[in-house]
Protein backbone atom coordinates (compact mmCIF):
# COMPACT_ATOMS: atom_id res chain seq x y z
CA UNK A 1 24.14 -90.10 48.99
CA UNK A 2 21.12 -87.86 48.64
CA UNK A 3 17.77 -89.22 47.46
CA UNK A 4 16.84 -88.80 43.82
CA UNK A 5 13.81 -89.46 41.69
CA UNK A 6 13.82 -92.31 39.14
CA UNK A 7 14.98 -89.76 36.56
CA UNK A 8 18.01 -88.84 38.67
CA UNK A 9 16.71 -85.48 39.90
CA UNK A 10 17.72 -84.50 43.43
CA UNK A 11 15.03 -84.85 46.10
CA UNK A 12 17.03 -83.92 49.21
CA UNK A 13 16.26 -81.11 51.65
CA UNK A 14 19.56 -79.32 52.36
CA UNK A 15 22.92 -78.35 50.86
CA UNK A 16 24.60 -81.62 49.87
CA UNK A 17 27.32 -82.01 52.48
CA UNK A 18 29.52 -84.99 51.71
CA UNK A 19 32.96 -86.37 52.47
CA UNK A 20 34.35 -84.66 49.37
CA UNK A 21 33.66 -81.16 50.72
CA UNK A 22 34.36 -81.93 54.36
CA UNK A 23 30.65 -82.36 55.14
CA UNK A 24 30.09 -78.60 54.79
CA UNK A 25 26.95 -76.70 53.75
CA UNK A 26 28.60 -73.50 52.60
CA UNK A 27 25.92 -71.66 50.65
CA UNK A 28 26.83 -68.92 48.14
CA UNK A 29 30.34 -67.47 48.08
CA UNK A 30 32.55 -65.14 46.09
CA UNK A 31 36.27 -64.90 45.49
CA UNK A 32 38.31 -62.75 47.87
CA UNK A 33 39.91 -60.09 45.66
CA UNK A 34 42.25 -57.17 46.45
CA UNK A 35 39.92 -54.36 45.23
CA UNK A 36 37.35 -55.48 47.81
CA UNK A 37 39.64 -55.77 50.86
CA UNK A 38 38.81 -52.35 52.31
CA UNK A 39 35.06 -52.73 51.78
CA UNK A 40 34.95 -56.16 53.42
CA UNK A 41 37.04 -55.16 56.43
CA UNK A 42 35.25 -51.86 57.03
CA UNK A 43 31.65 -52.78 56.15
CA UNK A 44 31.72 -56.44 57.24
CA UNK A 45 29.08 -57.52 54.70
CA UNK A 46 27.13 -60.73 55.23
CA UNK A 47 28.72 -63.34 52.98
CA UNK A 48 28.40 -67.10 53.37
CA UNK A 49 32.06 -67.74 52.50
CA UNK A 50 35.08 -66.55 50.53
CA UNK A 51 37.28 -68.53 48.18
CA UNK A 52 40.97 -67.61 48.28
CA UNK A 53 43.65 -68.45 45.74
CA UNK A 54 46.08 -70.54 47.77
CA UNK A 55 49.20 -69.37 45.94
CA UNK A 56 48.52 -65.72 46.89
CA UNK A 57 48.96 -66.57 50.57
CA UNK A 58 51.69 -69.21 50.56
CA UNK A 59 54.19 -66.71 51.97
CA UNK A 60 55.93 -66.25 55.31
CA UNK A 61 54.60 -62.78 56.15
CA UNK A 62 53.33 -59.52 54.69
CA UNK A 63 50.06 -57.76 53.85
CA UNK A 64 48.36 -60.73 52.14
CA UNK A 65 48.59 -62.86 55.29
CA UNK A 66 47.65 -59.94 57.52
CA UNK A 67 44.49 -59.35 55.47
CA UNK A 68 43.73 -63.08 55.36
CA UNK A 69 43.97 -63.35 59.14
CA UNK A 70 41.46 -60.51 59.52
CA UNK A 71 39.10 -62.21 57.06
CA UNK A 72 39.43 -65.50 58.94
CA UNK A 73 38.26 -63.83 62.14
CA UNK A 74 34.84 -63.25 60.55
CA UNK A 75 34.34 -65.54 57.58
CA UNK A 76 34.61 -69.12 56.35
CA UNK A 77 37.40 -69.42 53.80
CA UNK A 78 37.98 -72.19 51.25
CA UNK A 79 41.28 -72.59 49.40
CA UNK A 80 41.40 -72.87 45.62
CA UNK A 81 44.67 -73.60 43.81
CA UNK A 82 45.91 -72.74 40.33
CA UNK A 83 49.30 -74.46 40.10
CA UNK A 84 49.07 -78.03 41.37
CA UNK A 85 48.99 -79.31 37.78
CA UNK A 86 47.57 -82.71 38.59
CA UNK A 87 48.01 -83.78 34.96
CA UNK A 88 51.74 -83.05 34.73
CA UNK A 89 54.34 -85.79 35.08
CA UNK A 90 57.07 -83.83 36.90
CA UNK A 91 57.64 -84.86 40.53
CA UNK A 92 55.48 -82.76 42.83
CA UNK A 93 57.37 -80.10 44.77
CA UNK A 94 57.58 -81.09 48.43
CA UNK A 95 58.30 -77.48 49.37
CA UNK A 96 55.11 -76.36 47.60
CA UNK A 97 53.12 -79.02 49.41
CA UNK A 98 54.61 -78.06 52.78
CA UNK A 99 53.60 -74.42 52.24
CA UNK A 100 50.16 -75.50 51.07
CA UNK A 101 49.64 -77.67 54.15
CA UNK A 102 50.79 -74.82 56.40
CA UNK A 103 48.15 -72.58 54.83
CA UNK A 104 45.52 -75.32 55.21
CA UNK A 105 46.19 -75.34 58.94
CA UNK A 106 46.02 -71.55 59.07
CA UNK A 107 42.70 -71.23 57.22
CA UNK A 108 41.07 -74.43 58.47
CA UNK A 109 39.72 -74.89 54.95
CA UNK A 110 37.37 -77.88 54.89
CA UNK A 111 38.76 -78.99 51.51
CA UNK A 112 41.14 -77.97 48.74
CA UNK A 113 40.37 -77.50 45.07
CA UNK A 114 42.54 -77.25 41.98
CA UNK A 115 42.24 -77.88 38.26
CA UNK A 116 42.19 -80.98 36.08
CA UNK A 117 45.00 -79.87 33.80
CA UNK A 118 48.73 -79.90 33.24
CA UNK A 119 51.12 -76.95 33.07
CA UNK A 120 54.73 -77.90 33.75
CA UNK A 121 57.52 -79.78 31.94
CA UNK A 122 60.99 -80.53 33.35
CA UNK A 123 60.60 -77.90 36.06
CA UNK A 124 59.40 -75.17 33.71
CA UNK A 125 55.99 -73.78 34.62
CA UNK A 126 53.63 -72.29 32.03
CA UNK A 127 51.40 -70.58 34.62
CA UNK A 128 48.45 -71.71 32.52
CA UNK A 129 45.75 -74.37 32.81
CA UNK A 130 46.42 -76.57 29.79
CA UNK A 131 43.94 -79.23 28.58
CA UNK A 132 44.82 -82.89 28.87
CA UNK A 133 44.57 -85.90 26.56
CA UNK A 134 41.66 -87.97 27.82
CA UNK A 135 43.42 -91.31 28.08
CA UNK A 136 43.39 -94.04 30.73
CA UNK A 137 47.14 -93.60 31.26
CA UNK A 138 46.68 -89.88 31.93
CA UNK A 139 43.79 -90.62 34.28
CA UNK A 140 45.95 -93.07 36.26
CA UNK A 141 48.83 -90.59 36.60
CA UNK A 142 46.49 -87.74 37.54
CA UNK A 143 44.63 -89.78 40.15
CA UNK A 144 47.88 -90.85 41.82
CA UNK A 145 48.95 -87.22 42.15
CA UNK A 146 45.59 -86.18 43.60
CA UNK A 147 45.77 -88.99 46.17
CA UNK A 148 49.28 -87.87 47.11
CA UNK A 149 48.07 -84.30 47.79
CA UNK A 150 45.09 -85.54 49.80
CA UNK A 151 47.31 -87.76 51.93
CA UNK A 152 49.95 -85.08 52.45
CA UNK A 153 47.61 -82.18 53.26
CA UNK A 154 45.12 -84.33 55.18
CA UNK A 155 42.03 -82.67 53.70
CA UNK A 156 39.74 -83.72 50.84
CA UNK A 157 40.64 -82.52 47.33
CA UNK A 158 38.09 -81.68 44.65
CA UNK A 159 39.14 -81.25 41.02
CA UNK A 160 37.76 -78.64 38.65
CA UNK A 161 37.07 -79.08 34.96
CA UNK A 162 38.84 -76.39 32.92
CA UNK A 163 37.73 -74.52 29.81
CA UNK A 164 39.58 -75.76 26.73
CA UNK A 165 40.47 -74.49 23.28
CA UNK A 166 42.20 -77.54 21.82
CA UNK A 167 41.61 -81.30 21.74
CA UNK A 168 43.91 -84.30 21.42
CA UNK A 169 43.39 -86.90 18.70
CA UNK A 170 44.69 -89.63 21.03
CA UNK A 171 41.86 -89.11 23.54
CA UNK A 172 40.06 -92.34 24.42
CA UNK A 173 36.94 -90.84 26.01
CA UNK A 174 34.96 -87.63 26.40
CA UNK A 175 36.03 -84.95 28.86
CA UNK A 176 33.26 -85.79 31.31
CA UNK A 177 34.15 -89.48 31.14
CA UNK A 178 37.76 -88.54 31.85
CA UNK A 179 36.78 -86.35 34.81
CA UNK A 180 34.66 -89.20 36.15
CA UNK A 181 37.48 -91.73 35.64
CA UNK A 182 39.96 -89.53 37.52
CA UNK A 183 37.54 -88.86 40.39
CA UNK A 184 36.73 -92.55 40.79
CA UNK A 185 40.40 -93.63 40.66
CA UNK A 186 41.49 -90.92 43.13
CA UNK A 187 38.32 -91.27 45.21
CA UNK A 188 38.09 -87.48 45.20
CA UNK A 189 35.35 -84.92 44.66
CA UNK A 190 34.50 -82.67 41.73
CA UNK A 191 34.34 -78.90 41.49
CA UNK A 192 31.88 -78.57 38.63
CA UNK A 193 32.48 -75.32 36.76
CA UNK A 194 29.36 -74.87 34.65
CA UNK A 195 30.74 -71.83 32.84
CA UNK A 196 33.78 -73.87 31.76
CA UNK A 197 31.45 -76.61 30.56
CA UNK A 198 29.50 -74.09 28.49
CA UNK A 199 32.67 -72.49 27.06
CA UNK A 200 34.16 -75.86 26.07
CA UNK A 201 30.85 -77.07 24.62
CA UNK A 202 30.71 -74.05 22.32
CA UNK A 203 34.37 -74.43 21.32
CA UNK A 204 34.16 -78.19 20.70
CA UNK A 205 30.52 -78.60 19.61
CA UNK A 206 29.10 -80.94 22.25
CA UNK A 207 25.91 -80.72 24.29
CA UNK A 208 26.70 -79.25 27.73
CA UNK A 209 23.75 -81.14 29.21
CA UNK A 210 25.48 -84.41 28.28
CA UNK A 211 28.47 -83.27 30.36
CA UNK A 212 26.36 -82.45 33.44
CA UNK A 213 24.38 -85.68 33.06
CA UNK A 214 27.55 -87.73 32.66
CA UNK A 215 29.48 -86.94 35.84
CA UNK A 216 29.00 -88.75 39.19
CA UNK A 217 26.67 -86.26 40.89
CA UNK A 218 27.32 -87.63 44.36
CA UNK A 219 30.96 -86.54 44.04
CA UNK A 220 30.21 -82.89 43.25
CA UNK A 221 31.30 -80.86 46.27
CA UNK A 222 31.13 -77.36 44.82
CA UNK A 223 29.99 -75.46 41.70
CA UNK A 224 31.62 -72.48 39.98
CA UNK A 225 29.86 -69.77 37.98
CA UNK A 226 31.53 -67.03 35.92
CA UNK A 227 31.26 -64.84 32.88
CA UNK A 228 33.13 -65.24 29.60
CA UNK A 229 33.90 -63.38 26.37
CA UNK A 230 32.64 -64.34 22.93
CA UNK A 231 34.86 -63.87 19.91
CA UNK A 232 34.27 -64.61 16.25
CA UNK A 233 35.62 -68.17 16.28
CA UNK A 234 35.72 -69.16 19.94
CA UNK A 235 34.59 -68.34 23.47
CA UNK A 236 37.17 -67.43 26.13
CA UNK A 237 36.79 -67.97 29.87
CA UNK A 238 37.69 -64.45 31.02
CA UNK A 239 35.84 -64.06 34.35
CA UNK A 240 35.17 -60.42 33.51
CA UNK A 241 31.43 -60.37 32.88
CA UNK A 242 28.19 -61.28 34.59
CA UNK A 243 26.88 -64.82 34.08
CA UNK A 244 24.84 -65.20 30.87
CA UNK A 245 21.41 -66.85 30.75
CA UNK A 246 22.51 -70.14 29.09
CA UNK A 247 25.05 -70.67 31.90
CA UNK A 248 22.39 -69.97 34.53
CA UNK A 249 20.17 -72.57 32.83
CA UNK A 250 23.04 -75.06 32.88
CA UNK A 251 23.56 -74.29 36.56
CA UNK A 252 19.87 -74.89 37.24
CA UNK A 253 20.16 -78.29 35.57
CA UNK A 254 23.33 -79.12 37.52
CA UNK A 255 21.78 -78.47 40.94
CA UNK A 256 18.70 -80.45 39.96
CA UNK A 257 21.06 -83.37 39.44
CA UNK A 258 23.51 -82.73 42.30
CA UNK A 259 21.29 -80.98 44.81
CA UNK A 260 21.65 -77.37 46.00
CA UNK A 261 25.44 -77.50 46.13
CA UNK A 262 27.79 -74.84 47.52
CA UNK A 263 28.17 -72.25 44.76
CA UNK A 264 30.84 -69.67 44.03
CA UNK A 265 30.91 -66.77 41.55
CA UNK A 266 34.31 -65.99 40.00
CA UNK A 267 35.01 -62.42 38.83
CA UNK A 268 38.73 -61.88 38.30
CA UNK A 269 39.11 -59.11 35.69
CA UNK A 270 37.42 -55.75 35.18
CA UNK A 271 36.26 -56.27 38.76
CA UNK A 272 33.29 -54.07 39.67
CA UNK A 273 32.20 -53.02 43.16
CA UNK A 274 31.79 -55.56 45.91
CA UNK A 275 28.04 -54.97 45.88
CA UNK A 276 27.76 -55.77 42.17
CA UNK A 277 29.79 -58.97 42.45
CA UNK A 278 27.90 -60.18 45.51
CA UNK A 279 24.54 -59.31 43.94
CA UNK A 280 25.44 -61.36 40.87
CA UNK A 281 26.41 -64.31 43.06
CA UNK A 282 23.16 -64.13 45.01
CA UNK A 283 21.19 -64.67 41.81
CA UNK A 284 22.00 -68.33 42.44
CA UNK A 285 19.65 -68.26 45.42
CA UNK A 286 16.45 -68.44 43.36
CA UNK A 287 17.71 -71.58 41.61
CA UNK A 288 18.79 -73.17 44.90
CA UNK A 289 15.47 -72.28 46.51
CA UNK A 290 13.56 -73.79 43.58
CA UNK A 291 15.35 -77.11 44.04
CA UNK A 292 14.68 -77.11 47.78
CA UNK A 293 11.02 -76.24 47.23
CA UNK A 294 10.61 -79.08 44.75
CA UNK A 295 12.32 -81.46 47.16
CA UNK A 296 10.02 -80.45 50.00
CA UNK A 297 7.02 -81.07 47.78
CA UNK A 298 8.45 -84.35 46.57
CA UNK A 299 8.15 -83.22 42.96
CA UNK A 300 11.01 -83.57 40.55
CA UNK A 301 11.81 -80.49 38.46
CA UNK A 302 12.20 -81.09 34.76
CA UNK A 303 15.71 -80.29 33.48
CA UNK A 304 16.05 -76.91 31.83
CA UNK A 305 16.98 -76.66 28.17
CA UNK A 306 19.92 -74.60 26.93
C-alpha cells in the first residue's frame, strides 16, 4: 500500500508495484501492432514495454511467434486478452487455458489482463466485449472464473472495465461498485481504462470522477488510454484517434489517486506511424512526473476537473 494524504491523494515516490502487477514498475508502453513490426525490429526504438494480444500468439508456429520471439529478446512484454469472457457462464475451455499458460511461460509476462465482460453462450462466441448486469450473483460467478485462471496460469490477473452502450434494469449497483466487488471477491487487480470510463460516462450520464474515486486504488495495476469517436447519440470506443483532453484530465486524476501507475496507449485502427503512436503515449510522462514531483515535495495535488 502506498502512502496517501488524508484526501486520498497518492504521496509515494515510484511506480506503484504491487502483487497485482507482479511487483513491476513498467513505465509507459504501447500495443505491439503488425504495421510497426519492421520499424521496431530494424530501428530498435527505446520503449518501456509492449502489450501483446494473447490470442494473436496462441499458435504452434508461424510468423507471429517468430516476430514475438525477436521482440522478447529486446523488450518487456505484457499479455492482454480479449476472449476470456470472465462474465460468461459456459465452462472455461481447458485447451484455451493450456495454450494461454504456454504463452505465459514463453513471454514471462508478469501478469495477465482481460476484460470484465461476457461474450459466449452454449459454446457460441460473439467475439465482442458485452456489458454485464451488475448483480452480486454475476460478481460471484465472475470472481470464481478469474480465480480459476489465476490458479491455472500461475500469474496475477487484472481485469479491465469495458466501454458500454447498454445497461441492465436488474443491476444492483453501479459499474464501479461491481468492478470493486469482483476484484475483492477474486482478490485480483484492476486494469483501469480511463477512456472506457469516459465513454461509458457520456453514454450513461454519470460523473467519471465518481468512477475513479470509487474503485480500490491499491488494486490498480495498470492504466489504459485510447481515443474514441463521437457520434450524434453516443460515443464509441474505436481506438483510432489521439487521446482527447477530458480523458487526459481523467487520467491525471486517476494517477493522483493510484500513484504513477504503468500506463499503456491503445491505437488499433487507422494506425499511424510508430513515431506518432509512441509520441502520443509519452504525453503521459508529464502527468506521471507531476505526481512524482508532488510526492517528493509532500504536497497533495488537487484533483483535476473534467
